[in-house]
């Protein structure tokens, strides 16, 4: 789904902020619920909802970015940002999958006795740390390239 405009302005700058907030928040949430087994029962579903919302916001931000890309002057910085922007979705999917695995592990923990609680926590924590760190780093990197693509001409004119 693509949005060209919201409230009369390009949708991308508005929608991207949802992804910039929700994806790192979901990443932190999955690390916490993976690391603290007592927190899983109550907070893992919240982490999953955050991850799903983050995934949706990333999809909307990408769609609106593709729409905006067709309307702005094509520069090397815009092309680089558009290419980098495609790398966020796989990390958002990974965060959502790990969040779902944590919820599933919480639900099925008593039925699956082949894996000890300590081993399960270690597996979930490693998966959460990898997907969470990748998601946060990618959001920062892509956001920085978007800021450069947006503000490079403005800052480069000497302030006149």
N, C-alpha and C. Protein backbone atom coordinates (compact mmCIF):
# COMPACT_ATOMS: atom_id res chain seq x y z
N UNK A 1 0.84 -1.17 0.00
CA UNK A 1 0.00 0.00 0.00
C UNK A 1 0.89 1.23 0.00
N UNK A 2 0.58 2.17 -0.88
CA UNK A 2 1.36 3.39 -0.97
C UNK A 2 0.50 4.59 -0.65
N UNK A 3 1.07 5.48 0.13
CA UNK A 3 0.45 6.76 0.40
C UNK A 3 1.33 7.82 -0.24
N UNK A 4 0.73 8.66 -1.08
CA UNK A 4 1.50 9.75 -1.66
C UNK A 4 1.57 10.93 -0.71
N UNK A 5 0.41 11.29 -0.16
CA UNK A 5 0.34 12.46 0.70
C UNK A 5 -0.53 12.20 1.92
N UNK A 6 -0.19 12.88 2.99
CA UNK A 6 -1.01 12.92 4.20
C UNK A 6 -1.09 14.38 4.63
N UNK A 7 -2.27 14.86 4.82
CA UNK A 7 -2.48 16.24 5.26
C UNK A 7 -1.82 17.26 4.33
N UNK A 8 -1.78 16.94 3.03
CA UNK A 8 -1.25 17.86 2.04
C UNK A 8 0.26 17.89 1.90
N UNK A 9 0.98 17.05 2.63
CA UNK A 9 2.43 16.99 2.50
C UNK A 9 2.82 15.56 2.15
N UNK A 10 4.03 15.36 1.61
CA UNK A 10 4.44 13.99 1.29
C UNK A 10 4.33 13.09 2.52
N UNK A 11 3.82 11.90 2.33
CA UNK A 11 3.57 10.98 3.44
C UNK A 11 4.85 10.40 4.02
N UNK A 12 5.87 10.25 3.22
CA UNK A 12 7.08 9.55 3.68
C UNK A 12 7.70 10.15 4.94
N UNK A 13 7.91 11.46 5.00
CA UNK A 13 8.52 11.99 6.23
C UNK A 13 7.67 11.73 7.49
N UNK A 14 6.37 11.63 7.33
CA UNK A 14 5.52 11.34 8.48
C UNK A 14 5.54 9.86 8.83
N UNK A 15 5.39 9.01 7.82
CA UNK A 15 5.31 7.57 8.06
C UNK A 15 6.64 6.98 8.52
N UNK A 16 7.73 7.55 8.04
CA UNK A 16 9.04 7.00 8.40
C UNK A 16 9.28 7.14 9.91
N UNK A 17 8.71 8.16 10.52
CA UNK A 17 8.92 8.34 11.96
C UNK A 17 8.27 7.23 12.78
N UNK A 18 7.19 6.68 12.28
CA UNK A 18 6.58 5.54 12.98
C UNK A 18 7.54 4.35 12.97
N UNK A 19 8.15 4.10 11.83
CA UNK A 19 9.11 2.99 11.74
C UNK A 19 10.35 3.26 12.59
N UNK A 20 10.80 4.50 12.60
CA UNK A 20 12.00 4.87 13.35
C UNK A 20 11.79 4.71 14.86
N UNK A 21 10.56 4.89 15.30
CA UNK A 21 10.26 4.73 16.73
C UNK A 21 9.90 3.28 17.05
N UNK A 22 9.01 2.69 16.26
CA UNK A 22 8.47 1.37 16.60
C UNK A 22 9.47 0.23 16.44
N UNK A 23 10.29 0.26 15.39
CA UNK A 23 11.20 -0.87 15.19
C UNK A 23 12.26 -0.96 16.29
N UNK A 24 12.95 0.11 16.64
CA UNK A 24 13.89 0.00 17.78
C UNK A 24 13.18 -0.33 19.10
N UNK A 25 11.98 0.20 19.30
CA UNK A 25 11.22 -0.12 20.51
C UNK A 25 10.89 -1.61 20.57
N UNK A 26 10.47 -2.17 19.45
CA UNK A 26 10.19 -3.61 19.38
C UNK A 26 11.47 -4.42 19.59
N UNK A 27 12.58 -3.93 19.04
CA UNK A 27 13.86 -4.63 19.20
C UNK A 27 14.27 -4.68 20.66
N UNK A 28 14.14 -3.58 21.36
CA UNK A 28 14.47 -3.54 22.79
C UNK A 28 13.52 -4.45 23.56
N UNK A 29 12.25 -4.41 23.21
CA UNK A 29 11.25 -5.23 23.91
C UNK A 29 11.54 -6.72 23.76
N UNK A 30 11.93 -7.17 22.56
CA UNK A 30 12.19 -8.61 22.41
C UNK A 30 13.44 -9.03 23.15
N UNK A 31 14.43 -8.14 23.22
CA UNK A 31 15.63 -8.48 23.99
C UNK A 31 15.28 -8.63 25.47
N UNK A 32 14.47 -7.73 25.97
CA UNK A 32 14.08 -7.79 27.39
C UNK A 32 13.29 -9.06 27.69
N UNK A 33 12.27 -9.36 26.88
CA UNK A 33 11.46 -10.55 27.17
C UNK A 33 12.21 -11.84 26.90
N UNK A 34 13.21 -11.80 26.01
CA UNK A 34 14.04 -12.99 25.81
C UNK A 34 14.98 -13.20 26.98
N UNK A 35 15.49 -12.11 27.53
CA UNK A 35 16.48 -12.20 28.61
C UNK A 35 15.87 -12.47 29.98
N UNK A 36 14.62 -12.07 30.16
CA UNK A 36 13.98 -12.18 31.48
C UNK A 36 12.77 -13.12 31.37
N UNK A 37 12.98 -14.41 31.66
CA UNK A 37 11.90 -15.38 31.50
C UNK A 37 10.62 -15.02 32.26
N UNK A 38 10.74 -14.41 33.44
CA UNK A 38 9.54 -14.05 34.21
C UNK A 38 8.73 -12.96 33.53
N UNK A 39 9.36 -12.18 32.67
CA UNK A 39 8.65 -11.11 31.97
C UNK A 39 7.91 -11.61 30.74
N UNK A 40 8.26 -12.80 30.26
CA UNK A 40 7.69 -13.30 29.01
C UNK A 40 6.19 -13.44 29.03
N UNK A 41 5.65 -14.05 30.07
CA UNK A 41 4.22 -14.34 30.08
C UNK A 41 3.39 -13.08 29.91
N UNK A 42 3.77 -12.01 30.55
CA UNK A 42 2.97 -10.79 30.50
C UNK A 42 3.38 -9.85 29.36
N UNK A 43 4.66 -9.80 29.05
CA UNK A 43 5.14 -8.77 28.13
C UNK A 43 5.48 -9.27 26.73
N UNK A 44 5.63 -10.56 26.54
CA UNK A 44 5.93 -11.07 25.20
C UNK A 44 4.82 -10.75 24.20
N UNK A 45 3.53 -10.85 24.57
CA UNK A 45 2.50 -10.45 23.61
C UNK A 45 2.57 -8.96 23.24
N UNK A 46 2.96 -8.13 24.19
CA UNK A 46 3.11 -6.71 23.89
C UNK A 46 4.27 -6.50 22.92
N UNK A 47 5.36 -7.21 23.14
CA UNK A 47 6.50 -7.13 22.23
C UNK A 47 6.10 -7.59 20.83
N UNK A 48 5.28 -8.63 20.75
CA UNK A 48 4.82 -9.11 19.44
C UNK A 48 3.95 -8.07 18.75
N UNK A 49 3.05 -7.45 19.47
CA UNK A 49 2.21 -6.40 18.88
C UNK A 49 3.09 -5.24 18.39
N UNK A 50 4.06 -4.83 19.18
CA UNK A 50 4.99 -3.78 18.75
C UNK A 50 5.73 -4.19 17.49
N UNK A 51 6.17 -5.43 17.44
CA UNK A 51 6.91 -5.91 16.27
C UNK A 51 6.03 -5.93 15.01
N UNK A 52 4.78 -6.31 15.18
CA UNK A 52 3.86 -6.32 14.04
C UNK A 52 3.57 -4.89 13.58
N UNK A 53 3.35 -3.99 14.52
CA UNK A 53 3.14 -2.58 14.17
C UNK A 53 4.38 -2.01 13.49
N UNK A 54 5.55 -2.36 13.99
CA UNK A 54 6.80 -1.90 13.38
C UNK A 54 6.93 -2.42 11.95
N UNK A 55 6.62 -3.68 11.77
CA UNK A 55 6.68 -4.28 10.44
C UNK A 55 5.74 -3.55 9.47
N UNK A 56 4.53 -3.29 9.92
CA UNK A 56 3.59 -2.55 9.09
C UNK A 56 4.07 -1.14 8.78
N UNK A 57 4.64 -0.48 9.78
CA UNK A 57 5.11 0.88 9.56
C UNK A 57 6.30 0.91 8.61
N UNK A 58 7.15 -0.10 8.66
CA UNK A 58 8.27 -0.18 7.72
C UNK A 58 7.73 -0.34 6.30
N UNK A 59 6.74 -1.20 6.13
CA UNK A 59 6.14 -1.39 4.81
C UNK A 59 5.52 -0.10 4.28
N UNK A 60 4.81 0.62 5.14
CA UNK A 60 4.21 1.89 4.73
C UNK A 60 5.27 2.93 4.41
N UNK A 61 6.32 2.97 5.21
CA UNK A 61 7.41 3.93 4.96
C UNK A 61 8.10 3.63 3.63
N UNK A 62 8.32 2.34 3.35
CA UNK A 62 8.96 1.99 2.08
C UNK A 62 8.06 2.35 0.90
N UNK A 63 6.78 2.03 1.01
CA UNK A 63 5.86 2.36 -0.08
C UNK A 63 5.77 3.85 -0.33
N UNK A 64 5.69 4.62 0.74
CA UNK A 64 5.61 6.08 0.57
C UNK A 64 6.94 6.64 0.08
N UNK A 65 8.03 5.99 0.46
CA UNK A 65 9.35 6.42 -0.03
C UNK A 65 9.49 6.18 -1.52
N UNK A 66 8.99 5.04 -1.99
CA UNK A 66 9.03 4.76 -3.43
C UNK A 66 8.20 5.78 -4.20
N UNK A 67 7.06 6.14 -3.63
CA UNK A 67 6.21 7.14 -4.26
C UNK A 67 6.90 8.50 -4.29
N UNK A 68 7.53 8.86 -3.18
CA UNK A 68 8.23 10.15 -3.11
C UNK A 68 9.43 10.17 -4.04
N UNK A 69 10.11 9.05 -4.17
CA UNK A 69 11.29 8.98 -5.03
C UNK A 69 10.96 9.37 -6.47
N UNK A 70 9.75 9.05 -6.91
CA UNK A 70 9.33 9.39 -8.27
C UNK A 70 9.07 10.89 -8.43
N UNK A 71 8.91 11.60 -7.31
CA UNK A 71 8.55 13.03 -7.37
C UNK A 71 9.71 13.96 -7.09
N UNK A 72 10.82 13.45 -6.58
CA UNK A 72 11.95 14.32 -6.25
C UNK A 72 13.04 14.20 -7.30
N UNK A 73 13.95 15.15 -7.27
CA UNK A 73 15.09 15.13 -8.18
C UNK A 73 15.97 13.94 -7.85
N UNK A 74 16.31 13.19 -8.87
CA UNK A 74 17.14 12.01 -8.66
C UNK A 74 18.59 12.43 -8.48
N UNK A 75 19.12 12.11 -7.31
CA UNK A 75 20.52 12.39 -7.02
C UNK A 75 21.17 11.10 -6.53
N UNK A 76 22.48 11.13 -6.41
CA UNK A 76 23.20 9.97 -5.91
C UNK A 76 22.78 9.66 -4.47
N UNK A 77 22.56 10.71 -3.66
CA UNK A 77 22.16 10.51 -2.27
C UNK A 77 20.75 9.92 -2.17
N UNK A 78 19.84 10.36 -3.02
CA UNK A 78 18.48 9.81 -3.03
C UNK A 78 18.51 8.35 -3.46
N UNK A 79 19.29 8.05 -4.49
CA UNK A 79 19.41 6.66 -4.95
C UNK A 79 20.01 5.77 -3.86
N UNK A 80 21.03 6.28 -3.18
CA UNK A 80 21.66 5.50 -2.10
C UNK A 80 20.67 5.24 -0.97
N UNK A 81 19.90 6.27 -0.61
CA UNK A 81 18.91 6.11 0.46
C UNK A 81 17.83 5.11 0.06
N UNK A 82 17.36 5.20 -1.17
CA UNK A 82 16.33 4.27 -1.64
C UNK A 82 16.85 2.83 -1.63
N UNK A 83 18.09 2.64 -2.03
CA UNK A 83 18.67 1.29 -2.01
C UNK A 83 18.82 0.79 -0.59
N UNK A 84 19.31 1.64 0.29
CA UNK A 84 19.48 1.25 1.69
C UNK A 84 18.14 0.99 2.35
N UNK A 85 17.13 1.75 1.99
CA UNK A 85 15.81 1.61 2.60
C UNK A 85 15.23 0.22 2.44
N UNK A 86 15.61 -0.46 1.38
CA UNK A 86 15.12 -1.82 1.15
C UNK A 86 15.66 -2.82 2.16
N UNK A 87 16.73 -2.45 2.84
CA UNK A 87 17.35 -3.38 3.80
C UNK A 87 16.64 -3.40 5.16
N UNK A 88 15.72 -2.48 5.40
CA UNK A 88 15.05 -2.43 6.70
C UNK A 88 14.01 -3.55 6.83
N UNK A 89 13.29 -3.83 5.77
CA UNK A 89 12.20 -4.81 5.85
C UNK A 89 12.66 -6.19 6.32
N UNK A 90 13.75 -6.75 5.81
CA UNK A 90 14.17 -8.07 6.32
C UNK A 90 14.44 -8.06 7.83
N UNK A 91 15.01 -6.96 8.34
CA UNK A 91 15.26 -6.88 9.79
C UNK A 91 13.96 -6.76 10.56
N UNK A 92 13.00 -6.02 10.02
CA UNK A 92 11.69 -5.89 10.67
C UNK A 92 10.99 -7.25 10.71
N UNK A 93 11.12 -8.01 9.63
CA UNK A 93 10.55 -9.36 9.60
C UNK A 93 11.24 -10.23 10.64
N UNK A 94 12.56 -10.13 10.74
CA UNK A 94 13.30 -10.93 11.72
C UNK A 94 12.86 -10.60 13.15
N UNK A 95 12.67 -9.34 13.45
CA UNK A 95 12.21 -8.94 14.79
C UNK A 95 10.82 -9.52 15.06
N UNK A 96 9.93 -9.47 14.07
CA UNK A 96 8.58 -10.02 14.25
C UNK A 96 8.61 -11.53 14.42
N UNK A 97 9.46 -12.21 13.67
CA UNK A 97 9.58 -13.67 13.79
C UNK A 97 10.12 -14.05 15.17
N UNK A 98 11.13 -13.34 15.63
CA UNK A 98 11.68 -13.62 16.96
C UNK A 98 10.63 -13.33 18.04
N UNK A 99 9.89 -12.25 17.89
CA UNK A 99 8.83 -11.94 18.85
C UNK A 99 7.79 -13.06 18.88
N UNK A 100 7.42 -13.56 17.70
CA UNK A 100 6.46 -14.67 17.64
C UNK A 100 7.05 -15.94 18.26
N UNK A 101 8.34 -16.18 18.05
CA UNK A 101 8.99 -17.35 18.65
C UNK A 101 9.01 -17.25 20.17
N UNK A 102 9.21 -16.05 20.67
CA UNK A 102 9.21 -15.86 22.13
C UNK A 102 7.82 -16.12 22.69
N UNK A 103 6.79 -15.62 22.03
CA UNK A 103 5.41 -15.89 22.46
C UNK A 103 5.14 -17.38 22.37
N UNK A 104 5.55 -18.01 21.27
CA UNK A 104 5.35 -19.45 21.12
C UNK A 104 6.09 -20.24 22.17
N UNK A 105 7.31 -19.84 22.47
CA UNK A 105 8.08 -20.54 23.50
C UNK A 105 7.41 -20.41 24.86
N UNK A 106 6.82 -19.27 25.10
CA UNK A 106 6.11 -19.06 26.37
C UNK A 106 4.89 -19.95 26.46
N UNK A 107 4.17 -20.06 25.36
CA UNK A 107 2.95 -20.87 25.35
C UNK A 107 3.26 -22.36 25.44
N UNK A 108 4.28 -22.81 24.70
CA UNK A 108 4.57 -24.23 24.61
C UNK A 108 5.71 -24.69 25.50
N UNK A 109 6.19 -23.85 26.38
CA UNK A 109 7.36 -24.19 27.22
C UNK A 109 7.13 -25.44 28.05
N UNK A 110 5.95 -25.62 28.57
CA UNK A 110 5.69 -26.78 29.43
C UNK A 110 5.50 -28.06 28.63
N UNK A 111 5.09 -27.94 27.36
CA UNK A 111 4.91 -29.13 26.54
C UNK A 111 6.23 -29.63 25.96
N UNK A 112 7.17 -28.74 25.79
CA UNK A 112 8.46 -29.10 25.20
C UNK A 112 9.48 -29.20 26.33
N UNK A 113 9.74 -30.43 26.75
CA UNK A 113 10.67 -30.61 27.86
C UNK A 113 12.05 -31.05 27.38
N UNK A 114 12.24 -31.17 26.05
CA UNK A 114 13.54 -31.57 25.52
C UNK A 114 14.59 -30.47 25.67
N UNK A 115 14.13 -29.24 25.73
CA UNK A 115 15.05 -28.11 25.84
C UNK A 115 14.89 -27.51 27.23
N UNK A 116 15.99 -27.34 27.91
CA UNK A 116 15.93 -26.76 29.26
C UNK A 116 15.56 -25.29 29.17
N UNK A 117 15.05 -24.76 30.25
CA UNK A 117 14.67 -23.35 30.31
C UNK A 117 15.88 -22.45 30.06
N UNK A 118 17.02 -22.84 30.59
CA UNK A 118 18.24 -22.04 30.40
C UNK A 118 18.67 -22.04 28.93
N UNK A 119 18.60 -23.19 28.28
CA UNK A 119 18.95 -23.28 26.87
C UNK A 119 17.98 -22.48 26.01
N UNK A 120 16.70 -22.60 26.32
CA UNK A 120 15.68 -21.85 25.59
C UNK A 120 15.92 -20.35 25.72
N UNK A 121 16.20 -19.90 26.92
CA UNK A 121 16.48 -18.48 27.14
C UNK A 121 17.70 -18.05 26.34
N UNK A 122 18.73 -18.85 26.32
CA UNK A 122 19.95 -18.52 25.57
C UNK A 122 19.67 -18.42 24.07
N UNK A 123 18.92 -19.36 23.54
CA UNK A 123 18.58 -19.35 22.11
C UNK A 123 17.75 -18.12 21.77
N UNK A 124 16.72 -17.86 22.57
CA UNK A 124 15.87 -16.70 22.32
C UNK A 124 16.65 -15.39 22.45
N UNK A 125 17.53 -15.32 23.43
CA UNK A 125 18.30 -14.10 23.64
C UNK A 125 19.27 -13.85 22.49
N UNK A 126 19.93 -14.87 22.01
CA UNK A 126 20.85 -14.69 20.87
C UNK A 126 20.07 -14.23 19.64
N UNK A 127 18.95 -14.87 19.37
CA UNK A 127 18.12 -14.47 18.22
C UNK A 127 17.62 -13.04 18.38
N UNK A 128 17.19 -12.68 19.58
CA UNK A 128 16.70 -11.32 19.83
C UNK A 128 17.81 -10.29 19.69
N UNK A 129 18.99 -10.60 20.21
CA UNK A 129 20.12 -9.67 20.11
C UNK A 129 20.55 -9.46 18.65
N UNK A 130 20.61 -10.53 17.89
CA UNK A 130 21.02 -10.41 16.49
C UNK A 130 20.00 -9.61 15.69
N UNK A 131 18.73 -10.02 15.79
CA UNK A 131 17.71 -9.32 15.00
C UNK A 131 17.49 -7.90 15.51
N UNK A 132 17.53 -7.71 16.81
CA UNK A 132 17.34 -6.37 17.37
C UNK A 132 18.47 -5.43 17.01
N UNK A 133 19.72 -5.90 17.16
CA UNK A 133 20.86 -5.05 16.81
C UNK A 133 20.88 -4.73 15.32
N UNK A 134 20.58 -5.73 14.50
CA UNK A 134 20.52 -5.49 13.06
C UNK A 134 19.45 -4.48 12.69
N UNK A 135 18.30 -4.60 13.31
CA UNK A 135 17.20 -3.67 13.03
C UNK A 135 17.55 -2.25 13.45
N UNK A 136 18.08 -2.10 14.65
CA UNK A 136 18.40 -0.77 15.15
C UNK A 136 19.51 -0.14 14.30
N UNK A 137 20.56 -0.89 14.01
CA UNK A 137 21.64 -0.35 13.20
C UNK A 137 21.14 0.06 11.82
N UNK A 138 20.32 -0.78 11.21
CA UNK A 138 19.82 -0.49 9.86
C UNK A 138 18.94 0.76 9.86
N UNK A 139 18.08 0.90 10.86
CA UNK A 139 17.23 2.09 10.96
C UNK A 139 18.09 3.35 11.09
N UNK A 140 19.12 3.29 11.92
CA UNK A 140 20.00 4.44 12.09
C UNK A 140 20.72 4.76 10.78
N UNK A 141 21.26 3.75 10.14
CA UNK A 141 22.01 3.94 8.90
C UNK A 141 21.13 4.49 7.78
N UNK A 142 19.96 3.90 7.61
CA UNK A 142 19.05 4.36 6.56
C UNK A 142 18.52 5.75 6.88
N UNK A 143 18.21 5.99 8.14
CA UNK A 143 17.75 7.32 8.54
C UNK A 143 18.79 8.39 8.29
N UNK A 144 20.05 8.06 8.56
CA UNK A 144 21.13 9.01 8.31
C UNK A 144 21.25 9.31 6.81
N UNK A 145 21.16 8.27 5.99
CA UNK A 145 21.26 8.50 4.55
C UNK A 145 20.07 9.31 4.04
N UNK A 146 18.89 9.11 4.64
CA UNK A 146 17.72 9.90 4.26
C UNK A 146 17.88 11.36 4.65
N UNK A 147 18.44 11.58 5.82
CA UNK A 147 18.68 12.96 6.26
C UNK A 147 19.70 13.64 5.34
N UNK A 148 20.76 12.91 4.98
CA UNK A 148 21.74 13.48 4.05
C UNK A 148 21.10 13.79 2.70
N UNK A 149 20.26 12.88 2.21
CA UNK A 149 19.62 13.10 0.92
C UNK A 149 18.68 14.31 0.97
N UNK A 150 18.06 14.51 2.11
CA UNK A 150 17.11 15.62 2.25
C UNK A 150 17.80 16.95 2.46
N UNK A 151 18.80 16.96 3.32
CA UNK A 151 19.36 18.23 3.79
C UNK A 151 20.69 18.60 3.17
N UNK A 152 21.28 17.74 2.33
CA UNK A 152 22.59 18.02 1.78
C UNK A 152 22.62 19.34 0.98
N UNK A 153 21.63 19.54 0.12
CA UNK A 153 21.58 20.78 -0.68
C UNK A 153 21.37 21.99 0.21
N UNK A 154 20.55 21.85 1.23
CA UNK A 154 20.26 22.98 2.11
C UNK A 154 21.51 23.38 2.89
N UNK A 155 22.21 22.38 3.46
CA UNK A 155 23.41 22.68 4.23
C UNK A 155 24.57 23.07 3.33
N UNK A 156 24.55 22.59 2.10
CA UNK A 156 25.66 22.84 1.19
C UNK A 156 25.62 24.21 0.52
N UNK A 157 24.55 25.00 0.72
CA UNK A 157 24.47 26.29 0.04
C UNK A 157 25.12 27.42 0.84
N UNK A 158 25.78 27.10 1.92
CA UNK A 158 26.49 28.11 2.69
C UNK A 158 25.59 28.91 3.61
N UNK A 159 24.32 28.47 3.78
CA UNK A 159 23.42 29.16 4.69
C UNK A 159 22.80 30.41 4.13
N UNK A 160 23.01 30.70 2.85
CA UNK A 160 22.44 31.91 2.24
C UNK A 160 20.97 31.80 1.99
